[in-house]
Amino acid sequence: MDDLKLYGKSEIEIQSLTNTVRVFSTDISLQLGMEKCATVSIKRGKITTYDGIEMPNGQLIKYNQNEACKYLGILQLNNIKHGEVKTIVRREYTNRVRKILKYKLNSGNT
């Protein structure tokens, strides 16, 4: 499992889902990257204030509203950040083309 997204109707339901994932992952000896975790509360399409989720070890997981999350390699907040994704893809494409053009390729070695 690489990425996991939990959806709930309320903060209490999200807390319950988080605890379920924690218990299950502990049972199968799966280590979660807590530094990559984030929570966001969206009601009627708007981001609302949210205290975050407190983990059993006392760690509080909050979400920085100015920072988009990466989910399956795509930047998201309450929608997909198309402009930022296009910029990143364009930059990566240009870098890869430049790397290919540095090599002197001909039909004999392709």
PDB file of N, CA and C in Angstrom:
ATOM      1  N   MET A   1       0.861  -1.163   0.000  1.00  0.00           N
ATOM      2  CA  MET A   1       0.000   0.000   0.000  1.00  0.00           C
ATOM      3  C   MET A   1       0.904   1.221   0.000  1.00  0.00           C
ATOM      4  N   ASP A   2       0.664   2.112  -0.937  1.00  0.00           N
ATOM      5  CA  ASP A   2       1.500   3.289  -1.048  1.00  0.00           C
ATOM      6  C   ASP A   2       0.780   4.522  -0.523  1.00  0.00           C
ATOM      7  N   ASP A   3      -0.389   4.789  -1.026  1.00  0.00           N
ATOM      8  CA  ASP A   3      -1.172   5.952  -0.606  1.00  0.00           C
ATOM      9  C   ASP A   3      -2.517   5.492  -0.076  1.00  0.00           C
ATOM     10  N   LEU A   4      -3.013   6.203   0.910  1.00  0.00           N
ATOM     11  CA  LEU A   4      -4.296   5.870   1.512  1.00  0.00           C
ATOM     12  C   LEU A   4      -5.031   7.160   1.812  1.00  0.00           C
ATOM     13  N   LYS A   5      -6.281   7.220   1.423  1.00  0.00           N
ATOM     14  CA  LYS A   5      -7.118   8.381   1.678  1.00  0.00           C
ATOM     15  C   LYS A   5      -8.348   7.914   2.428  1.00  0.00           C
ATOM     16  N   LEU A   6      -8.674   8.587   3.515  1.00  0.00           N
ATOM     17  CA  LEU A   6      -9.850   8.244   4.310  1.00  0.00           C
ATOM     18  C   LEU A   6     -10.870   9.363   4.191  1.00  0.00           C
ATOM     19  N   TYR A   7     -12.131   8.993   4.044  1.00  0.00           N
ATOM     20  CA  TYR A   7     -13.218   9.962   3.966  1.00  0.00           C
ATOM     21  C   TYR A   7     -14.208   9.685   5.081  1.00  0.00           C
ATOM     22  N   GLY A   8     -14.684  10.738   5.716  1.00  0.00           N
ATOM     23  CA  GLY A   8     -15.679  10.577   6.763  1.00  0.00           C
ATOM     24  C   GLY A   8     -16.626  11.760   6.788  1.00  0.00           C
ATOM     25  N   LYS A   9     -17.803  11.542   7.359  1.00  0.00           N
ATOM     26  CA  LYS A   9     -18.814  12.596   7.429  1.00  0.00           C
ATOM     27  C   LYS A   9     -18.521  13.602   8.532  1.00  0.00           C
ATOM     28  N   SER A  10     -17.730  13.188   9.524  1.00  0.00           N
ATOM     29  CA  SER A  10     -17.431  14.075  10.648  1.00  0.00           C
ATOM     30  C   SER A  10     -16.014  13.807  11.138  1.00  0.00           C
ATOM     31  N   GLU A  11     -15.539  14.705  12.000  1.00  0.00           N
ATOM     32  CA  GLU A  11     -14.211  14.525  12.575  1.00  0.00           C
ATOM     33  C   GLU A  11     -14.148  13.251  13.411  1.00  0.00           C
ATOM     34  N   ILE A  12     -15.249  12.917  14.075  1.00  0.00           N
ATOM     35  CA  ILE A  12     -15.305  11.705  14.901  1.00  0.00           C
ATOM     36  C   ILE A  12     -15.154  10.466  14.026  1.00  0.00           C
ATOM     37  N   GLU A  13     -15.808  10.460  12.879  1.00  0.00           N
ATOM     38  CA  GLU A  13     -15.705   9.317  11.964  1.00  0.00           C
ATOM     39  C   GLU A  13     -14.283   9.196  11.404  1.00  0.00           C
ATOM     40  N   ILE A  14     -13.658  10.318  11.090  1.00  0.00           N
ATOM     41  CA  ILE A  14     -12.271  10.292  10.611  1.00  0.00           C
ATOM     42  C   ILE A  14     -11.347   9.747  11.695  1.00  0.00           C
ATOM     43  N   GLN A  15     -11.571  10.179  12.942  1.00  0.00           N
ATOM     44  CA  GLN A  15     -10.767   9.671  14.060  1.00  0.00           C
ATOM     45  C   GLN A  15     -10.931   8.157  14.184  1.00  0.00           C
ATOM     46  N   SER A  16     -12.168   7.672  14.030  1.00  0.00           N
ATOM     47  CA  SER A  16     -12.440   6.239  14.110  1.00  0.00           C
ATOM     48  C   SER A  16     -11.749   5.483  12.972  1.00  0.00           C
ATOM     49  N   LEU A  17     -11.834   6.015  11.764  1.00  0.00           N
ATOM     50  CA  LEU A  17     -11.177   5.380  10.616  1.00  0.00           C
ATOM     51  C   LEU A  17      -9.661   5.349  10.798  1.00  0.00           C
ATOM     52  N   THR A  18      -9.118   6.435  11.310  1.00  0.00           N
ATOM     53  CA  THR A  18      -7.678   6.501  11.556  1.00  0.00           C
ATOM     54  C   THR A  18      -7.250   5.453  12.572  1.00  0.00           C
ATOM     55  N   ASN A  19      -8.034   5.302  13.626  1.00  0.00           N
ATOM     56  CA  ASN A  19      -7.720   4.285  14.633  1.00  0.00           C
ATOM     57  C   ASN A  19      -7.810   2.879  14.049  1.00  0.00           C
ATOM     58  N   THR A  20      -8.797   2.642  13.178  1.00  0.00           N
ATOM     59  CA  THR A  20      -8.931   1.337  12.528  1.00  0.00           C
ATOM     60  C   THR A  20      -7.700   1.030  11.680  1.00  0.00           C
ATOM     61  N   VAL A  21      -7.241   2.009  10.914  1.00  0.00           N
ATOM     62  CA  VAL A  21      -6.045   1.824  10.087  1.00  0.00           C
ATOM     63  C   VAL A  21      -4.833   1.571  10.974  1.00  0.00           C
ATOM     64  N   ARG A  22      -4.718   2.312  12.064  1.00  0.00           N
ATOM     65  CA  ARG A  22      -3.589   2.141  12.977  1.00  0.00           C
ATOM     66  C   ARG A  22      -3.570   0.736  13.571  1.00  0.00           C
ATOM     67  N   VAL A  23      -4.735   0.257  14.029  1.00  0.00           N
ATOM     68  CA  VAL A  23      -4.824  -1.082  14.620  1.00  0.00           C
ATOM     69  C   VAL A  23      -4.481  -2.144  13.580  1.00  0.00           C
ATOM     70  N   PHE A  24      -5.053  -2.027  12.383  1.00  0.00           N
ATOM     71  CA  PHE A  24      -4.799  -3.002  11.329  1.00  0.00           C
ATOM     72  C   PHE A  24      -3.327  -3.008  10.929  1.00  0.00           C
ATOM     73  N   SER A  25      -2.754  -1.809  10.758  1.00  0.00           N
ATOM     74  CA  SER A  25      -1.349  -1.741  10.351  1.00  0.00           C
ATOM     75  C   SER A  25      -0.430  -2.296  11.433  1.00  0.00           C
ATOM     76  N   THR A  26      -0.786  -2.102  12.696  1.00  0.00           N
ATOM     77  CA  THR A  26      -0.003  -2.683  13.789  1.00  0.00           C
ATOM     78  C   THR A  26      -0.089  -4.202  13.754  1.00  0.00           C
ATOM     79  N   ASP A  27      -1.283  -4.734  13.483  1.00  0.00           N
ATOM     80  CA  ASP A  27      -1.476  -6.188  13.428  1.00  0.00           C
ATOM     81  C   ASP A  27      -0.635  -6.856  12.345  1.00  0.00           C
ATOM     82  N   ILE A  28      -0.457  -6.179  11.226  1.00  0.00           N
ATOM     83  CA  ILE A  28       0.311  -6.775  10.125  1.00  0.00           C
ATOM     84  C   ILE A  28       1.744  -6.241  10.071  1.00  0.00           C
ATOM     85  N   SER A  29       2.152  -5.533  11.128  1.00  0.00           N
ATOM     86  CA  SER A  29       3.510  -4.972  11.251  1.00  0.00           C
ATOM     87  C   SER A  29       3.846  -4.028  10.105  1.00  0.00           C
ATOM     88  N   LEU A  30       2.900  -3.178   9.758  1.00  0.00           N
ATOM     89  CA  LEU A  30       3.101  -2.181   8.710  1.00  0.00           C
ATOM     90  C   LEU A  30       3.453  -0.854   9.370  1.00  0.00           C
ATOM     91  N   GLN A  31       4.566  -0.280   8.958  1.00  0.00           N
ATOM     92  CA  GLN A  31       5.006   1.002   9.504  1.00  0.00           C
ATOM     93  C   GLN A  31       4.453   2.121   8.627  1.00  0.00           C
ATOM     94  N   LEU A  32       3.715   3.056   9.219  1.00  0.00           N
ATOM     95  CA  LEU A  32       3.158   4.179   8.476  1.00  0.00           C
ATOM     96  C   LEU A  32       4.100   5.373   8.566  1.00  0.00           C
ATOM     97  N   GLY A  33       4.238   6.095   7.468  1.00  0.00           N
ATOM     98  CA  GLY A  33       5.052   7.315   7.457  1.00  0.00           C
ATOM     99  C   GLY A  33       4.229   8.483   7.970  1.00  0.00           C
ATOM    100  N   MET A  34       4.229   8.675   9.279  1.00  0.00           N
ATOM    101  CA  MET A  34       3.382   9.700   9.887  1.00  0.00           C
ATOM    102  C   MET A  34       3.787  11.110   9.471  1.00  0.00           C
ATOM    103  N   GLU A  35       5.042  11.309   9.066  1.00  0.00           N
ATOM    104  CA  GLU A  35       5.470  12.642   8.645  1.00  0.00           C
ATOM    105  C   GLU A  35       4.808  13.051   7.335  1.00  0.00           C
ATOM    106  N   LYS A  36       4.261  12.103   6.599  1.00  0.00           N
ATOM    107  CA  LYS A  36       3.584  12.402   5.339  1.00  0.00           C
ATOM    108  C   LYS A  36       2.076  12.542   5.506  1.00  0.00           C
ATOM    109  N   CYS A  37       1.567  12.294   6.703  1.00  0.00           N
ATOM    110  CA  CYS A  37       0.124  12.322   6.931  1.00  0.00           C
ATOM    111  C   CYS A  37      -0.394  13.750   7.048  1.00  0.00           C
ATOM    112  N   ALA A  38      -1.619  13.948   6.613  1.00  0.00           N
ATOM    113  CA  ALA A  38      -2.263  15.252   6.719  1.00  0.00           C
ATOM    114  C   ALA A  38      -3.763  15.053   6.822  1.00  0.00           C
ATOM    115  N   THR A  39      -4.438  16.016   7.422  1.00  0.00           N
ATOM    116  CA  THR A  39      -5.894  15.989   7.490  1.00  0.00           C
ATOM    117  C   THR A  39      -6.424  17.313   6.972  1.00  0.00           C
ATOM    118  N   VAL A  40      -7.576  17.263   6.383  1.00  0.00           N
ATOM    119  CA  VAL A  40      -8.241  18.479   5.932  1.00  0.00           C
ATOM    120  C   VAL A  40      -9.738  18.270   6.099  1.00  0.00           C
ATOM    121  N   SER A  41     -10.422  19.322   6.482  1.00  0.00           N
ATOM    122  CA  SER A  41     -11.871  19.270   6.646  1.00  0.00           C
ATOM    123  C   SER A  41     -12.506  20.147   5.576  1.00  0.00           C
ATOM    124  N   ILE A  42     -13.320  19.530   4.728  1.00  0.00           N
ATOM    125  CA  ILE A  42     -13.990  20.251   3.645  1.00  0.00           C
ATOM    126  C   ILE A  42     -15.488  20.081   3.829  1.00  0.00           C
ATOM    127  N   LYS A  43     -16.183  21.198   3.930  1.00  0.00           N
ATOM    128  CA  LYS A  43     -17.635  21.168   4.058  1.00  0.00           C
ATOM    129  C   LYS A  43     -18.235  22.047   2.972  1.00  0.00           C
ATOM    130  N   ARG A  44     -19.099  21.430   2.177  1.00  0.00           N
ATOM    131  CA  ARG A  44     -19.750  22.109   1.056  1.00  0.00           C
ATOM    132  C   ARG A  44     -18.746  22.766   0.112  1.00  0.00           C
ATOM    133  N   GLY A  45     -17.650  22.065  -0.125  1.00  0.00           N
ATOM    134  CA  GLY A  45     -16.651  22.531  -1.075  1.00  0.00           C
ATOM    135  C   GLY A  45     -15.674  23.554  -0.537  1.00  0.00           C
ATOM    136  N   LYS A  46     -15.785  23.938   0.719  1.00  0.00           N
ATOM    137  CA  LYS A  46     -14.904  24.940   1.317  1.00  0.00           C
ATOM    138  C   LYS A  46     -14.067  24.292   2.409  1.00  0.00           C
ATOM    139  N   ILE A  47     -12.816  24.692   2.493  1.00  0.00           N
ATOM    140  CA  ILE A  47     -11.945  24.193   3.550  1.00  0.00           C
ATOM    141  C   ILE A  47     -12.323  24.895   4.846  1.00  0.00           C
ATOM    142  N   THR A  48     -12.569  24.109   5.886  1.00  0.00           N
ATOM    143  CA  THR A  48     -12.947  24.668   7.181  1.00  0.00           C
ATOM    144  C   THR A  48     -11.817  24.453   8.182  1.00  0.00           C
ATOM    145  N   THR A  49     -11.869  25.205   9.266  1.00  0.00           N
ATOM    146  CA  THR A  49     -10.848  25.036  10.298  1.00  0.00           C
ATOM    147  C   THR A  49     -11.047  23.694  10.980  1.00  0.00           C
ATOM    148  N   TYR A  50      -9.941  23.102  11.355  1.00  0.00           N
ATOM    149  CA  TYR A  50      -9.981  21.753  11.899  1.00  0.00           C
ATOM    150  C   TYR A  50      -8.782  21.594  12.817  1.00  0.00           C
ATOM    151  N   ASP A  51      -9.015  21.062  14.000  1.00  0.00           N
ATOM    152  CA  ASP A  51      -7.941  20.908  14.984  1.00  0.00           C
ATOM    153  C   ASP A  51      -6.972  19.800  14.616  1.00  0.00           C
ATOM    154  N   GLY A  52      -7.364  18.904  13.766  1.00  0.00           N
ATOM    155  CA  GLY A  52      -6.516  17.787  13.383  1.00  0.00           C
ATOM    156  C   GLY A  52      -6.873  16.535  14.160  1.00  0.00           C
ATOM    157  N   ILE A  53      -6.072  15.507  13.979  1.00  0.00           N
ATOM    158  CA  ILE A  53      -6.298  14.218  14.634  1.00  0.00           C
ATOM    159  C   ILE A  53      -5.150  13.970  15.599  1.00  0.00           C
ATOM    160  N   GLU A  54      -5.493  13.592  16.811  1.00  0.00           N
ATOM    161  CA  GLU A  54      -4.462  13.245  17.786  1.00  0.00           C
ATOM    162  C   GLU A  54      -4.251  11.741  17.765  1.00  0.00           C
ATOM    163  N   MET A  55      -3.015  11.347  17.544  1.00  0.00           N
ATOM    164  CA  MET A  55      -2.658   9.937  17.508  1.00  0.00           C
ATOM    165  C   MET A  55      -2.411   9.439  18.930  1.00  0.00           C
ATOM    166  N   PRO A  56      -2.447   8.116  19.137  1.00  0.00           N
ATOM    167  CA  PRO A  56      -2.242   7.567  20.483  1.00  0.00           C
ATOM    168  C   PRO A  56      -0.908   7.961  21.119  1.00  0.00           C
ATOM    169  N   ASN A  57       0.112   8.216  20.298  1.00  0.00           N
ATOM    170  CA  ASN A  57       1.408   8.624  20.849  1.00  0.00           C
ATOM    171  C   ASN A  57       1.448  10.112  21.187  1.00  0.00           C
ATOM    172  N   GLY A  58       0.320  10.811  21.017  1.00  0.00           N
ATOM    173  CA  GLY A  58       0.235  12.229  21.345  1.00  0.00           C
ATOM    174  C   GLY A  58       0.531  13.154  20.182  1.00  0.00           C
ATOM    175  N   GLN A  59       0.966  12.601  19.052  1.00  0.00           N
ATOM    176  CA  GLN A  59       1.277  13.410  17.884  1.00  0.00           C
ATOM    177  C   GLN A  59      -0.013  13.962  17.292  1.00  0.00           C
ATOM    178  N   LEU A  60      -0.011  15.251  16.949  1.00  0.00           N
ATOM    179  CA  LEU A  60      -1.177  15.896  16.357  1.00  0.00           C
ATOM    180  C   LEU A  60      -0.936  16.047  14.863  1.00  0.00           C
ATOM    181  N   ILE A  61      -1.839  15.491  14.060  1.00  0.00           N
ATOM    182  CA  ILE A  61      -1.725  15.573  12.605  1.00  0.00           C
ATOM    183  C   ILE A  61      -2.652  16.681  12.132  1.00  0.00           C
ATOM    184  N   LYS A  62      -2.049  17.735  11.578  1.00  0.00           N
ATOM    185  CA  LYS A  62      -2.816  18.868  11.070  1.00  0.00           C
ATOM    186  C   LYS A  62      -2.493  19.050   9.596  1.00  0.00           C
ATOM    187  N   TYR A  63      -3.199  19.967   8.983  1.00  0.00           N
ATOM    188  CA  TYR A  63      -3.001  20.230   7.565  1.00  0.00           C
ATOM    189  C   TYR A  63      -2.692  21.701   7.357  1.00  0.00           C
ATOM    190  N   ASN A  64      -1.658  21.992   6.586  1.00  0.00           N
ATOM    191  CA  ASN A  64      -1.314  23.353   6.224  1.00  0.00           C
ATOM    192  C   ASN A  64      -2.149  23.732   5.006  1.00  0.00           C
ATOM    193  N   GLN A  65      -3.044  24.700   5.159  1.00  0.00           N
ATOM    194  CA  GLN A  65      -3.987  25.030   4.084  1.00  0.00           C
ATOM    195  C   GLN A  65      -3.309  25.614   2.855  1.00  0.00           C
ATOM    196  N   ASN A  66      -2.089  26.125   3.001  1.00  0.00           N
ATOM    197  CA  ASN A  66      -1.391  26.702   1.854  1.00  0.00           C
ATOM    198  C   ASN A  66      -0.621  25.656   1.059  1.00  0.00           C
ATOM    199  N   GLU A  67      -0.593  24.439   1.550  1.00  0.00           N
ATOM    200  CA  GLU A  67       0.225  23.393   0.950  1.00  0.00           C
ATOM    201  C   GLU A  67      -0.654  22.292   0.358  1.00  0.00           C
ATOM    202  N   ALA A  68      -0.433  21.989  -0.908  1.00  0.00           N
ATOM    203  CA  ALA A  68      -1.190  20.918  -1.552  1.00  0.00           C
ATOM    204  C   ALA A  68      -0.559  19.575  -1.210  1.00  0.00           C
ATOM    205  N   CYS A  69      -1.376  18.542  -1.163  1.00  0.00           N
ATOM    206  CA  CYS A  69      -0.920  17.172  -0.886  1.00  0.00           C
ATOM    207  C   CYS A  69      -0.632  16.469  -2.197  1.00  0.00           C
ATOM    208  N   LYS A  70       0.262  15.506  -2.146  1.00  0.00           N
ATOM    209  CA  LYS A  70       0.466  14.634  -3.294  1.00  0.00           C
ATOM    210  C   LYS A  70      -0.249  13.338  -3.005  1.00  0.00           C
ATOM    211  N   TYR A  71      -1.170  12.963  -3.866  1.00  0.00           N
ATOM    212  CA  TYR A  71      -1.874  11.689  -3.747  1.00  0.00           C
ATOM    213  C   TYR A  71      -1.743  10.976  -5.076  1.00  0.00           C
ATOM    214  N   LEU A  72      -1.111   9.815  -5.067  1.00  0.00           N
ATOM    215  CA  LEU A  72      -0.817   9.055  -6.284  1.00  0.00           C
ATOM    216  C   LEU A  72      -0.040   9.906  -7.279  1.00  0.00           C
ATOM    217  N   GLY A  73       0.853  10.753  -6.752  1.00  0.00           N
ATOM    218  CA  GLY A  73       1.717  11.569  -7.591  1.00  0.00           C
ATOM    219  C   GLY A  73       1.081  12.819  -8.145  1.00  0.00           C
ATOM    220  N   ILE A  74      -0.152  13.137  -7.751  1.00  0.00           N
ATOM    221  CA  ILE A  74      -0.855  14.309  -8.272  1.00  0.00           C
ATOM    222  C   ILE A  74      -1.118  15.274  -7.127  1.00  0.00           C
ATOM    223  N   LEU A  75      -0.767  16.555  -7.338  1.00  0.00           N
ATOM    224  CA  LEU A  75      -1.009  17.565  -6.317  1.00  0.00           C
ATOM    225  C   LEU A  75      -2.501  17.818  -6.180  1.00  0.00           C
ATOM    226  N   GLN A  76      -2.980  17.771  -4.936  1.00  0.00           N
ATOM    227  CA  GLN A  76      -4.404  17.978  -4.682  1.00  0.00           C
ATOM    228  C   GLN A  76      -4.593  18.823  -3.436  1.00  0.00           C
ATOM    229  N   LEU A  77      -5.691  19.532  -3.374  1.00  0.00           N
ATOM    230  CA  LEU A  77      -6.152  20.158  -2.144  1.00  0.00           C
ATOM    231  C   LEU A  77      -7.602  19.744  -2.050  1.00  0.00           C
ATOM    232  N   ASN A  78      -8.530  20.636  -2.337  1.00  0.00           N
ATOM    233  CA  ASN A  78      -9.916  20.195  -2.435  1.00  0.00           C
ATOM    234  C   ASN A  78     -10.273  19.934  -3.896  1.00  0.00           C
ATOM    235  N   ASN A  79      -9.302  20.130  -4.754  1.00  0.00           N
ATOM    236  CA  ASN A  79      -9.407  19.772  -6.166  1.00  0.00           C
ATOM    237  C   ASN A  79      -7.990  19.505  -6.671  1.00  0.00           C
ATOM    238  N   ILE A  80      -7.866  19.062  -7.885  1.00  0.00           N
ATOM    239  CA  ILE A  80      -6.540  18.805  -8.451  1.00  0.00           C
ATOM    240  C   ILE A  80      -5.942  20.138  -8.878  1.00  0.00           C
ATOM    241  N   LYS A  81      -4.698  20.368  -8.527  1.00  0.00           N
ATOM    242  CA  LYS A  81      -3.998  21.608  -8.866  1.00  0.00           C
ATOM    243  C   LYS A  81      -3.454  21.490 -10.292  1.00  0.00           C
ATOM    244  N   HIS A  82      -4.331  21.701 -11.281  1.00  0.00           N
ATOM    245  CA  HIS A  82      -3.963  21.485 -12.678  1.00  0.00           C
ATOM    246  C   HIS A  82      -2.793  22.360 -13.118  1.00  0.00           C
ATOM    247  N   GLY A  83      -2.808  23.632 -12.746  1.00  0.00           N
ATOM    248  CA  GLY A  83      -1.736  24.539 -13.153  1.00  0.00           C
ATOM    249  C   GLY A  83      -0.385  24.102 -12.635  1.00  0.00           C
ATOM    250  N   GLU A  84      -0.327  23.748 -11.348  1.00  0.00           N
ATOM    251  CA  GLU A  84       0.932  23.308 -10.753  1.00  0.00           C
ATOM    252  C   GLU A  84       1.385  21.979 -11.351  1.00  0.00           C
ATOM    253  N   VAL A  85       0.442  21.071 -11.598  1.00  0.00           N
ATOM    254  CA  VAL A  85       0.785  19.773 -12.188  1.00  0.00           C
ATOM    255  C   VAL A  85       1.351  19.978 -13.592  1.00  0.00           C
ATOM    256  N   LYS A  86       0.738  20.862 -14.389  1.00  0.00           N
ATOM    257  CA  LYS A  86       1.233  21.129 -15.744  1.00  0.00           C
ATOM    258  C   LYS A  86       2.643  21.694 -15.707  1.00  0.00           C
ATOM    259  N   THR A  87       2.903  22.604 -14.773  1.00  0.00           N
ATOM    260  CA  THR A  87       4.238  23.187 -14.651  1.00  0.00           C
ATOM    261  C   THR A  87       5.270  22.126 -14.309  1.00  0.00           C
ATOM    262  N   ILE A  88       4.945  21.254 -13.368  1.00  0.00           N
ATOM    263  CA  ILE A  88       5.870  20.196 -12.964  1.00  0.00           C
ATOM    264  C   ILE A  88       6.114  19.219 -14.109  1.00  0.00           C
ATOM    265  N   VAL A  89       5.049  18.817 -14.811  1.00  0.00           N
ATOM    266  CA  VAL A  89       5.184  17.882 -15.937  1.00  0.00           C
ATOM    267  C   VAL A  89       6.003  18.519 -17.055  1.00  0.00           C
ATOM    268  N   ARG A  90       5.736  19.785 -17.351  1.00  0.00           N
ATOM    269  CA  ARG A  90       6.475  20.481 -18.412  1.00  0.00           C
ATOM    270  C   ARG A  90       7.967  20.547 -18.066  1.00  0.00           C
ATOM    271  N   ARG A  91       8.292  20.867 -16.813  1.00  0.00           N
ATOM    272  CA  ARG A  91       9.685  20.951 -16.373  1.00  0.00           C
ATOM    273  C   ARG A  91      10.369  19.583 -16.474  1.00  0.00           C
ATOM    274  N   GLU A  92       9.680  18.539 -16.028  1.00  0.00           N
ATOM    275  CA  GLU A  92      10.252  17.186 -16.074  1.00  0.00           C
ATOM    276  C   GLU A  92      10.448  16.728 -17.520  1.00  0.00           C
ATOM    277  N   TYR A  93       9.470  17.016 -18.381  1.00  0.00           N
ATOM    278  CA  TYR A  93       9.562  16.650 -19.796  1.00  0.00           C
ATOM    279  C   TYR A  93      10.763  17.337 -20.442  1.00  0.00           C
ATOM    280  N   THR A  94      10.917  18.632 -20.191  1.00  0.00           N
ATOM    281  CA  THR A  94      12.031  19.390 -20.758  1.00  0.00           C
ATOM    282  C   THR A  94      13.366  18.834 -20.277  1.00  0.00           C
ATOM    283  N   ASN A  95      13.462  18.524 -18.990  1.00  0.00           N
ATOM    284  CA  ASN A  95      14.703  17.957 -18.452  1.00  0.00           C
ATOM    285  C   ASN A  95      15.039  16.625 -19.108  1.00  0.00           C
ATOM    286  N   ARG A  96      14.049  15.780 -19.310  1.00  0.00           N
ATOM    287  CA  ARG A  96      14.296  14.472 -19.922  1.00  0.00           C
ATOM    288  C   ARG A  96      14.711  14.603 -21.381  1.00  0.00           C
ATOM    289  N   VAL A  97      14.067  15.525 -22.115  1.00  0.00           N
ATOM    290  CA  VAL A  97      14.440  15.737 -23.520  1.00  0.00           C
ATOM    291  C   VAL A  97      15.871  16.247 -23.598  1.00  0.00           C
ATOM    292  N   ARG A  98      16.249  17.173 -22.714  1.00  0.00           N
ATOM    293  CA  ARG A  98      17.623  17.690 -22.706  1.00  0.00           C
ATOM    294  C   ARG A  98      18.633  16.580 -22.438  1.00  0.00           C
ATOM    295  N   LYS A  99      18.308  15.683 -21.513  1.00  0.00           N
ATOM    296  CA  LYS A  99      19.219  14.574 -21.213  1.00  0.00           C
ATOM    297  C   LYS A  99      19.398  13.673 -22.432  1.00  0.00           C
ATOM    298  N   ILE A 100      18.303  13.408 -23.145  1.00  0.00           N
ATOM    299  CA  ILE A 100      18.378  12.567 -24.347  1.00  0.00           C
ATOM    300  C   ILE A 100      19.210  13.255 -25.422  1.00  0.00           C
ATOM    301  N   LEU A 101      19.022  14.566 -25.588  1.00  0.00           N
ATOM    302  CA  LEU A 101      19.736  15.296 -26.633  1.00  0.00           C
ATOM    303  C   LEU A 101      21.232  15.415 -26.353  1.00  0.00           C
ATOM    304  N   LYS A 102      21.661  15.225 -25.120  1.00  0.00           N
ATOM    305  CA  LYS A 102      23.088  15.274 -24.791  1.00  0.00           C
ATOM    306  C   LYS A 102      23.845  14.095 -25.396  1.00  0.00           C
ATOM    307  N   TYR A 103      23.143  12.982 -25.607  1.00  0.00           N
ATOM    308  CA  TYR A 103      23.775  11.793 -26.167  1.00  0.00           C
ATOM    309  C   TYR A 103      23.698  11.842 -27.685  1.00  0.00           C
ATOM    310  N   LYS A 104      24.779  11.427 -28.322  1.00  0.00           N
ATOM    311  CA  LYS A 104      24.807  11.418 -29.785  1.00  0.00           C
ATOM    312  C   LYS A 104      24.282  10.076 -30.256  1.00  0.00           C
ATOM    313  N   LEU A 105      23.011  10.040 -30.544  1.00  0.00           N
ATOM    314  CA  LEU A 105      22.372   8.801 -30.973  1.00  0.00           C
ATOM    315  C   LEU A 105      22.276   8.767 -32.488  1.00  0.00           C
ATOM    316  N   ASN A 106      22.429   7.590 -33.055  1.00  0.00           N
ATOM    317  CA  ASN A 106      22.166   7.399 -34.476  1.00  0.00           C
ATOM    318  C   ASN A 106      21.439   6.075 -34.632  1.00  0.00           C
ATOM    319  N   SER A 107      21.111   5.722 -35.833  1.00  0.00           N
ATOM    320  CA  SER A 107      20.310   4.518 -36.050  1.00  0.00           C
ATOM    321  C   SER A 107      21.060   3.247 -35.667  1.00  0.00           C
ATOM    322  N   GLY A 108      22.367   3.295 -35.569  1.00  0.00           N
ATOM    323  CA  GLY A 108      23.143   2.110 -35.223  1.00  0.00           C
ATOM    324  C   GLY A 108      23.119   1.783 -33.737  1.00  0.00           C
ATOM    325  N   ASN A 109      22.901   2.770 -32.895  1.00  0.00           N
ATOM    326  CA  ASN A 109      22.944   2.503 -31.461  1.00  0.00           C
ATOM    327  C   ASN A 109      21.631   2.853 -30.746  1.00  0.00           C
ATOM    328  N   THR A 110      20.538   2.825 -31.476  1.00  0.00           N
ATOM    329  CA  THR A 110      19.246   3.098 -30.821  1.00  0.00           C
ATOM    330  C   THR A 110      18.447   1.834 -30.675  1.00  0.00           C
TER     331      THR A 110
END
